[in-house]
Amino acid sequence: MKFLVLAIVLSVICLDALVDGAAAPPPDLEDVSKIANGEAFALECLIESGLKLDSLAALSAKELDTNGSKIKCLVKCFFEKTGFMNKDGQLQEETITEQLSKFMPRERIESLVKNCNFQEADACETAYKVTECYFQNKAGLF
């Protein structure tokens, strides 16, 4: 979970830095921006979650457990806004494949999507588990 939180936090920080006129972020921090509107969606979801950017960046493992539900739903929000998941909590494999193919070859993404196709009763849990699987199978995907 910490990986996706970090990716979302970094995308929001990058967006803030660009808005403030700071230097462009290093290339490895721009990956979320490769997802169409990824930075804006990450910021919207952060606001909707009620979590604070500064406190989110400093969360310890214990605090991640305490705020887990909010964080998992922040991930779900990001999935919905990017089209990775519909409003019914169902994964949209073609959209995921299309968007993530910007990071690595399509064949590898198709395999990743197939292997990480979880469907939990709770959409927040689904988004979290899928993302965790992506990171376990391809660190730095986002």
N, C-alpha and C. Protein backbone atom coordinates (compact mmCIF):
# COMPACT_ATOMS: atom_id res chain seq x y z
N MET A 1 0.83 -1.18 0.00
CA MET A 1 0.00 0.00 0.00
C MET A 1 0.87 1.24 0.00
N LYS A 2 1.97 1.17 0.72
CA LYS A 2 2.82 2.33 0.84
C LYS A 2 3.35 2.79 -0.52
N PHE A 3 3.55 1.84 -1.46
CA PHE A 3 4.05 2.18 -2.79
C PHE A 3 3.07 3.07 -3.54
N LEU A 4 1.79 2.70 -3.55
CA LEU A 4 0.82 3.51 -4.28
C LEU A 4 0.63 4.84 -3.61
N VAL A 5 0.58 4.85 -2.29
CA VAL A 5 0.45 6.11 -1.57
C VAL A 5 1.61 7.01 -1.96
N LEU A 6 2.81 6.45 -2.01
CA LEU A 6 3.98 7.23 -2.40
C LEU A 6 3.83 7.75 -3.82
N ALA A 7 3.36 6.91 -4.73
CA ALA A 7 3.17 7.33 -6.12
C ALA A 7 2.17 8.47 -6.22
N ILE A 8 1.07 8.36 -5.49
CA ILE A 8 0.05 9.41 -5.53
C ILE A 8 0.59 10.68 -4.89
N VAL A 9 1.26 10.54 -3.74
CA VAL A 9 1.84 11.71 -3.08
C VAL A 9 2.85 12.38 -3.99
N LEU A 10 3.72 11.60 -4.62
CA LEU A 10 4.72 12.18 -5.50
C LEU A 10 4.09 12.89 -6.68
N SER A 11 3.01 12.35 -7.21
CA SER A 11 2.35 13.00 -8.34
C SER A 11 1.75 14.33 -7.92
N VAL A 12 1.18 14.38 -6.72
CA VAL A 12 0.61 15.63 -6.22
C VAL A 12 1.73 16.63 -5.94
N ILE A 13 2.82 16.16 -5.35
CA ILE A 13 3.96 17.04 -5.09
C ILE A 13 4.51 17.60 -6.40
N CYS A 14 4.63 16.74 -7.40
CA CYS A 14 5.12 17.18 -8.71
C CYS A 14 4.19 18.22 -9.30
N LEU A 15 2.90 18.00 -9.18
CA LEU A 15 1.92 18.95 -9.69
C LEU A 15 2.06 20.27 -8.96
N ASP A 16 2.18 20.23 -7.63
CA ASP A 16 2.36 21.45 -6.85
C ASP A 16 3.63 22.18 -7.25
N ALA A 17 4.70 21.43 -7.46
CA ALA A 17 5.98 22.04 -7.84
C ALA A 17 5.87 22.73 -9.19
N LEU A 18 5.20 22.11 -10.13
CA LEU A 18 5.05 22.70 -11.46
C LEU A 18 4.17 23.94 -11.40
N VAL A 19 3.13 23.89 -10.59
CA VAL A 19 2.24 25.05 -10.45
C VAL A 19 2.99 26.21 -9.81
N ASP A 20 3.86 25.89 -8.82
CA ASP A 20 4.61 26.92 -8.13
C ASP A 20 5.79 27.45 -8.94
N GLY A 21 6.02 26.89 -10.13
CA GLY A 21 7.11 27.35 -10.97
C GLY A 21 8.46 26.76 -10.61
N ALA A 22 8.47 25.74 -9.80
CA ALA A 22 9.73 25.09 -9.43
C ALA A 22 10.25 24.29 -10.61
N ALA A 23 11.47 23.84 -10.49
CA ALA A 23 12.07 23.03 -11.55
C ALA A 23 11.26 21.76 -11.75
N ALA A 24 11.33 21.23 -12.95
CA ALA A 24 10.60 19.99 -13.26
C ALA A 24 11.12 18.86 -12.39
N PRO A 25 10.23 17.95 -11.99
CA PRO A 25 10.65 16.83 -11.16
C PRO A 25 11.54 15.88 -11.95
N PRO A 26 12.34 15.10 -11.25
CA PRO A 26 13.15 14.10 -11.94
C PRO A 26 12.27 13.15 -12.74
N PRO A 27 12.75 12.59 -13.86
CA PRO A 27 11.93 11.73 -14.71
C PRO A 27 11.25 10.58 -13.99
N ASP A 28 11.90 9.99 -12.97
CA ASP A 28 11.28 8.86 -12.30
C ASP A 28 10.08 9.26 -11.46
N LEU A 29 9.89 10.54 -11.21
CA LEU A 29 8.74 10.99 -10.45
C LEU A 29 7.59 11.41 -11.35
N GLU A 30 7.78 11.38 -12.64
CA GLU A 30 6.76 11.84 -13.57
C GLU A 30 5.85 10.71 -14.06
N ASP A 31 6.09 9.48 -13.65
CA ASP A 31 5.37 8.34 -14.20
C ASP A 31 3.86 8.44 -14.09
N VAL A 32 3.34 8.92 -12.96
CA VAL A 32 1.89 9.01 -12.81
C VAL A 32 1.31 9.97 -13.84
N SER A 33 2.10 10.95 -14.27
CA SER A 33 1.59 11.91 -15.26
C SER A 33 1.42 11.27 -16.63
N LYS A 34 2.00 10.08 -16.85
CA LYS A 34 1.82 9.39 -18.12
C LYS A 34 0.40 8.83 -18.23
N ILE A 35 -0.24 8.62 -17.10
CA ILE A 35 -1.64 8.21 -17.12
C ILE A 35 -2.44 9.48 -17.39
N ALA A 36 -3.33 9.43 -18.36
CA ALA A 36 -4.08 10.62 -18.74
C ALA A 36 -4.69 11.30 -17.52
N ASN A 37 -4.34 12.55 -17.28
CA ASN A 37 -4.82 13.34 -16.16
C ASN A 37 -4.46 12.75 -14.80
N GLY A 38 -3.45 11.91 -14.74
CA GLY A 38 -3.08 11.22 -13.50
C GLY A 38 -2.81 12.15 -12.34
N GLU A 39 -2.08 13.23 -12.58
CA GLU A 39 -1.74 14.15 -11.50
C GLU A 39 -2.99 14.84 -10.96
N ALA A 40 -3.84 15.31 -11.86
CA ALA A 40 -5.06 15.99 -11.43
C ALA A 40 -5.97 15.03 -10.67
N PHE A 41 -6.10 13.80 -11.17
CA PHE A 41 -6.93 12.81 -10.50
C PHE A 41 -6.38 12.48 -9.11
N ALA A 42 -5.07 12.36 -9.00
CA ALA A 42 -4.45 12.07 -7.70
C ALA A 42 -4.77 13.18 -6.71
N LEU A 43 -4.69 14.42 -7.16
CA LEU A 43 -4.99 15.55 -6.29
C LEU A 43 -6.46 15.56 -5.90
N GLU A 44 -7.35 15.34 -6.85
CA GLU A 44 -8.79 15.29 -6.56
C GLU A 44 -9.10 14.21 -5.53
N CYS A 45 -8.50 13.05 -5.70
CA CYS A 45 -8.76 11.93 -4.79
C CYS A 45 -8.19 12.20 -3.41
N LEU A 46 -7.05 12.87 -3.35
CA LEU A 46 -6.48 13.23 -2.06
C LEU A 46 -7.43 14.16 -1.32
N ILE A 47 -7.97 15.14 -2.02
CA ILE A 47 -8.91 16.08 -1.42
C ILE A 47 -10.17 15.35 -0.97
N GLU A 48 -10.72 14.50 -1.83
CA GLU A 48 -11.93 13.75 -1.50
C GLU A 48 -11.72 12.82 -0.30
N SER A 49 -10.51 12.30 -0.14
CA SER A 49 -10.24 11.35 0.94
C SER A 49 -10.22 12.01 2.30
N GLY A 50 -9.98 13.31 2.33
CA GLY A 50 -9.86 14.00 3.60
C GLY A 50 -8.49 13.86 4.24
N LEU A 51 -7.59 13.15 3.56
CA LEU A 51 -6.23 13.00 4.07
C LEU A 51 -5.43 14.24 3.70
N LYS A 52 -4.49 14.60 4.53
CA LYS A 52 -3.65 15.77 4.28
C LYS A 52 -2.35 15.33 3.63
N LEU A 53 -1.91 16.06 2.62
CA LEU A 53 -0.70 15.71 1.88
C LEU A 53 0.52 15.61 2.78
N ASP A 54 0.72 16.60 3.65
CA ASP A 54 1.91 16.57 4.50
C ASP A 54 1.88 15.40 5.48
N SER A 55 0.72 15.10 6.04
CA SER A 55 0.64 13.98 6.97
C SER A 55 0.69 12.65 6.22
N LEU A 56 0.17 12.61 5.01
CA LEU A 56 0.18 11.39 4.22
C LEU A 56 1.61 10.99 3.87
N ALA A 57 2.42 11.95 3.53
CA ALA A 57 3.80 11.67 3.16
C ALA A 57 4.62 11.14 4.33
N ALA A 58 4.19 11.45 5.55
CA ALA A 58 4.96 11.06 6.74
C ALA A 58 4.35 9.87 7.48
N LEU A 59 3.40 9.19 6.88
CA LEU A 59 2.74 8.08 7.57
C LEU A 59 3.71 6.95 7.87
N SER A 60 3.60 6.44 9.07
CA SER A 60 4.37 5.24 9.43
C SER A 60 3.52 4.02 9.09
N ALA A 61 4.10 2.84 9.20
CA ALA A 61 3.36 1.61 8.91
C ALA A 61 2.14 1.48 9.82
N LYS A 62 2.28 1.84 11.10
CA LYS A 62 1.16 1.76 12.04
C LYS A 62 0.04 2.72 11.63
N GLU A 63 0.42 3.92 11.23
CA GLU A 63 -0.57 4.90 10.81
C GLU A 63 -1.24 4.48 9.50
N LEU A 64 -0.50 3.78 8.64
CA LEU A 64 -1.11 3.26 7.42
C LEU A 64 -2.22 2.29 7.76
N ASP A 65 -1.99 1.47 8.77
CA ASP A 65 -3.03 0.53 9.20
C ASP A 65 -4.24 1.27 9.74
N THR A 66 -4.01 2.31 10.53
CA THR A 66 -5.09 3.09 11.12
C THR A 66 -5.91 3.80 10.06
N ASN A 67 -5.23 4.36 9.06
CA ASN A 67 -5.89 5.11 7.99
C ASN A 67 -6.13 4.25 6.76
N GLY A 68 -5.98 2.95 6.90
CA GLY A 68 -6.03 2.04 5.76
C GLY A 68 -7.26 2.17 4.90
N SER A 69 -8.41 2.28 5.52
CA SER A 69 -9.66 2.37 4.76
C SER A 69 -9.68 3.62 3.89
N LYS A 70 -9.29 4.74 4.45
CA LYS A 70 -9.25 5.99 3.68
C LYS A 70 -8.25 5.89 2.54
N ILE A 71 -7.11 5.29 2.82
CA ILE A 71 -6.07 5.18 1.80
C ILE A 71 -6.51 4.23 0.69
N LYS A 72 -7.12 3.12 1.07
CA LYS A 72 -7.60 2.17 0.06
C LYS A 72 -8.66 2.83 -0.82
N CYS A 73 -9.51 3.64 -0.20
CA CYS A 73 -10.55 4.32 -0.98
C CYS A 73 -9.98 5.46 -1.82
N LEU A 74 -8.86 6.04 -1.40
CA LEU A 74 -8.15 7.00 -2.22
C LEU A 74 -7.66 6.31 -3.49
N VAL A 75 -7.15 5.09 -3.35
CA VAL A 75 -6.70 4.30 -4.50
C VAL A 75 -7.89 3.98 -5.41
N LYS A 76 -9.01 3.60 -4.81
CA LYS A 76 -10.22 3.30 -5.60
C LYS A 76 -10.66 4.54 -6.38
N CYS A 77 -10.64 5.68 -5.72
CA CYS A 77 -10.99 6.94 -6.37
C CYS A 77 -10.11 7.17 -7.60
N PHE A 78 -8.80 6.96 -7.43
CA PHE A 78 -7.86 7.12 -8.54
C PHE A 78 -8.19 6.14 -9.66
N PHE A 79 -8.51 4.89 -9.30
CA PHE A 79 -8.88 3.88 -10.30
C PHE A 79 -10.14 4.31 -11.06
N GLU A 80 -11.13 4.81 -10.35
CA GLU A 80 -12.38 5.23 -11.01
C GLU A 80 -12.13 6.41 -11.94
N LYS A 81 -11.38 7.38 -11.48
CA LYS A 81 -11.15 8.58 -12.30
C LYS A 81 -10.32 8.28 -13.55
N THR A 82 -9.42 7.31 -13.46
CA THR A 82 -8.60 6.95 -14.61
C THR A 82 -9.31 5.97 -15.53
N GLY A 83 -10.46 5.45 -15.08
CA GLY A 83 -11.20 4.47 -15.87
C GLY A 83 -10.73 3.05 -15.65
N PHE A 84 -9.84 2.84 -14.68
CA PHE A 84 -9.35 1.50 -14.36
C PHE A 84 -10.45 0.65 -13.72
N MET A 85 -11.43 1.32 -13.13
CA MET A 85 -12.52 0.65 -12.44
C MET A 85 -13.80 1.43 -12.72
N ASN A 86 -14.91 0.71 -12.93
CA ASN A 86 -16.17 1.42 -13.12
C ASN A 86 -16.81 1.72 -11.76
N LYS A 87 -17.92 2.42 -11.78
CA LYS A 87 -18.59 2.83 -10.54
C LYS A 87 -19.13 1.64 -9.74
N ASP A 88 -19.25 0.48 -10.39
CA ASP A 88 -19.71 -0.73 -9.70
C ASP A 88 -18.54 -1.50 -9.08
N GLY A 89 -17.33 -0.97 -9.20
CA GLY A 89 -16.16 -1.62 -8.61
C GLY A 89 -15.55 -2.71 -9.46
N GLN A 90 -15.94 -2.76 -10.74
CA GLN A 90 -15.39 -3.79 -11.64
C GLN A 90 -14.20 -3.22 -12.41
N LEU A 91 -13.14 -4.01 -12.44
CA LEU A 91 -11.93 -3.59 -13.16
C LEU A 91 -12.20 -3.52 -14.65
N GLN A 92 -11.60 -2.54 -15.30
CA GLN A 92 -11.73 -2.33 -16.74
C GLN A 92 -10.38 -2.69 -17.38
N GLU A 93 -10.21 -3.96 -17.66
CA GLU A 93 -8.92 -4.49 -18.08
C GLU A 93 -8.36 -3.80 -19.33
N GLU A 94 -9.19 -3.51 -20.30
CA GLU A 94 -8.70 -2.89 -21.53
C GLU A 94 -8.16 -1.48 -21.26
N THR A 95 -8.87 -0.72 -20.43
CA THR A 95 -8.41 0.62 -20.08
C THR A 95 -7.10 0.55 -19.31
N ILE A 96 -7.02 -0.36 -18.37
CA ILE A 96 -5.79 -0.53 -17.59
C ILE A 96 -4.64 -0.86 -18.53
N THR A 97 -4.87 -1.81 -19.41
CA THR A 97 -3.82 -2.23 -20.35
C THR A 97 -3.39 -1.07 -21.23
N GLU A 98 -4.35 -0.33 -21.75
CA GLU A 98 -4.04 0.81 -22.63
C GLU A 98 -3.20 1.86 -21.90
N GLN A 99 -3.63 2.24 -20.70
CA GLN A 99 -2.92 3.28 -19.95
C GLN A 99 -1.53 2.82 -19.50
N LEU A 100 -1.44 1.61 -18.98
CA LEU A 100 -0.16 1.14 -18.44
C LEU A 100 0.82 0.72 -19.52
N SER A 101 0.33 0.56 -20.75
CA SER A 101 1.23 0.25 -21.87
C SER A 101 2.17 1.41 -22.16
N LYS A 102 1.92 2.55 -21.57
CA LYS A 102 2.81 3.70 -21.72
C LYS A 102 4.09 3.51 -20.91
N PHE A 103 4.06 2.55 -19.99
CA PHE A 103 5.20 2.31 -19.10
C PHE A 103 6.08 1.16 -19.56
N MET A 104 5.49 0.16 -20.18
CA MET A 104 6.23 -1.03 -20.58
C MET A 104 5.49 -1.71 -21.72
N PRO A 105 6.11 -2.68 -22.37
CA PRO A 105 5.47 -3.34 -23.52
C PRO A 105 4.08 -3.91 -23.19
N ARG A 106 3.18 -3.77 -24.14
CA ARG A 106 1.79 -4.19 -23.97
C ARG A 106 1.67 -5.65 -23.54
N GLU A 107 2.50 -6.52 -24.10
CA GLU A 107 2.42 -7.95 -23.77
C GLU A 107 2.68 -8.18 -22.28
N ARG A 108 3.64 -7.45 -21.74
CA ARG A 108 3.95 -7.58 -20.31
C ARG A 108 2.81 -7.04 -19.47
N ILE A 109 2.20 -5.95 -19.91
CA ILE A 109 1.07 -5.38 -19.17
C ILE A 109 -0.11 -6.34 -19.20
N GLU A 110 -0.38 -6.93 -20.36
CA GLU A 110 -1.50 -7.88 -20.46
C GLU A 110 -1.32 -9.03 -19.48
N SER A 111 -0.11 -9.53 -19.36
CA SER A 111 0.18 -10.60 -18.41
C SER A 111 -0.02 -10.12 -16.98
N LEU A 112 0.46 -8.93 -16.69
CA LEU A 112 0.31 -8.35 -15.35
C LEU A 112 -1.16 -8.17 -14.99
N VAL A 113 -1.93 -7.63 -15.92
CA VAL A 113 -3.37 -7.41 -15.68
C VAL A 113 -4.08 -8.74 -15.45
N LYS A 114 -3.72 -9.74 -16.23
CA LYS A 114 -4.33 -11.06 -16.07
C LYS A 114 -4.00 -11.67 -14.70
N ASN A 115 -2.75 -11.56 -14.29
CA ASN A 115 -2.31 -12.13 -13.02
C ASN A 115 -2.80 -11.37 -11.80
N CYS A 116 -3.15 -10.12 -11.97
CA CYS A 116 -3.56 -9.27 -10.85
C CYS A 116 -5.04 -8.90 -10.94
N ASN A 117 -5.83 -9.77 -11.49
CA ASN A 117 -7.26 -9.50 -11.68
C ASN A 117 -8.06 -9.98 -10.47
N PHE A 118 -8.00 -9.21 -9.39
CA PHE A 118 -8.73 -9.54 -8.17
C PHE A 118 -10.09 -8.87 -8.19
N GLN A 119 -11.06 -9.49 -7.58
CA GLN A 119 -12.37 -8.87 -7.42
C GLN A 119 -12.85 -9.16 -6.01
N GLU A 120 -12.77 -8.17 -5.15
CA GLU A 120 -13.20 -8.30 -3.76
C GLU A 120 -14.62 -7.75 -3.63
N ALA A 121 -15.25 -8.04 -2.51
CA ALA A 121 -16.61 -7.53 -2.26
C ALA A 121 -16.61 -6.01 -2.14
N ASP A 122 -15.51 -5.45 -1.64
CA ASP A 122 -15.37 -4.02 -1.44
C ASP A 122 -14.47 -3.44 -2.54
N ALA A 123 -14.95 -2.42 -3.24
CA ALA A 123 -14.20 -1.83 -4.35
C ALA A 123 -12.88 -1.21 -3.89
N CYS A 124 -12.86 -0.63 -2.70
CA CYS A 124 -11.62 -0.06 -2.17
C CYS A 124 -10.58 -1.15 -1.99
N GLU A 125 -11.02 -2.28 -1.47
CA GLU A 125 -10.12 -3.43 -1.25
C GLU A 125 -9.62 -3.98 -2.59
N THR A 126 -10.51 -4.03 -3.58
CA THR A 126 -10.12 -4.50 -4.91
C THR A 126 -9.01 -3.62 -5.48
N ALA A 127 -9.23 -2.31 -5.47
CA ALA A 127 -8.24 -1.38 -6.02
C ALA A 127 -6.91 -1.52 -5.31
N TYR A 128 -6.96 -1.65 -3.99
CA TYR A 128 -5.73 -1.79 -3.21
C TYR A 128 -4.99 -3.08 -3.57
N LYS A 129 -5.72 -4.20 -3.59
CA LYS A 129 -5.07 -5.49 -3.85
C LYS A 129 -4.49 -5.55 -5.26
N VAL A 130 -5.20 -5.00 -6.22
CA VAL A 130 -4.70 -4.97 -7.59
C VAL A 130 -3.42 -4.14 -7.66
N THR A 131 -3.44 -2.98 -7.05
CA THR A 131 -2.26 -2.12 -7.07
C THR A 131 -1.09 -2.77 -6.36
N GLU A 132 -1.36 -3.38 -5.23
CA GLU A 132 -0.30 -4.07 -4.50
C GLU A 132 0.31 -5.18 -5.37
N CYS A 133 -0.53 -5.91 -6.07
CA CYS A 133 -0.06 -6.96 -6.97
C CYS A 133 0.80 -6.38 -8.09
N TYR A 134 0.36 -5.25 -8.66
CA TYR A 134 1.15 -4.61 -9.72
C TYR A 134 2.55 -4.28 -9.21
N PHE A 135 2.60 -3.70 -8.02
CA PHE A 135 3.90 -3.31 -7.47
C PHE A 135 4.75 -4.51 -7.11
N GLN A 136 4.13 -5.57 -6.63
CA GLN A 136 4.89 -6.77 -6.30
C GLN A 136 5.45 -7.43 -7.55
N ASN A 137 4.73 -7.31 -8.65
CA ASN A 137 5.16 -7.95 -9.89
C ASN A 137 5.97 -7.04 -10.81
N LYS A 138 5.90 -5.76 -10.59
CA LYS A 138 6.68 -4.81 -11.37
C LYS A 138 6.86 -3.54 -10.55
N ALA A 139 7.85 -3.54 -9.67
CA ALA A 139 8.11 -2.38 -8.82
C ALA A 139 8.31 -1.14 -9.69
N GLY A 140 7.73 -0.05 -9.26
CA GLY A 140 7.89 1.20 -9.97
C GLY A 140 7.00 1.36 -11.18
N LEU A 141 6.00 0.48 -11.32
CA LEU A 141 5.11 0.56 -12.48
C LEU A 141 4.47 1.93 -12.58
N PHE A 142 4.02 2.46 -11.46
CA PHE A 142 3.43 3.79 -11.47
C PHE A 142 4.54 4.79 -11.24
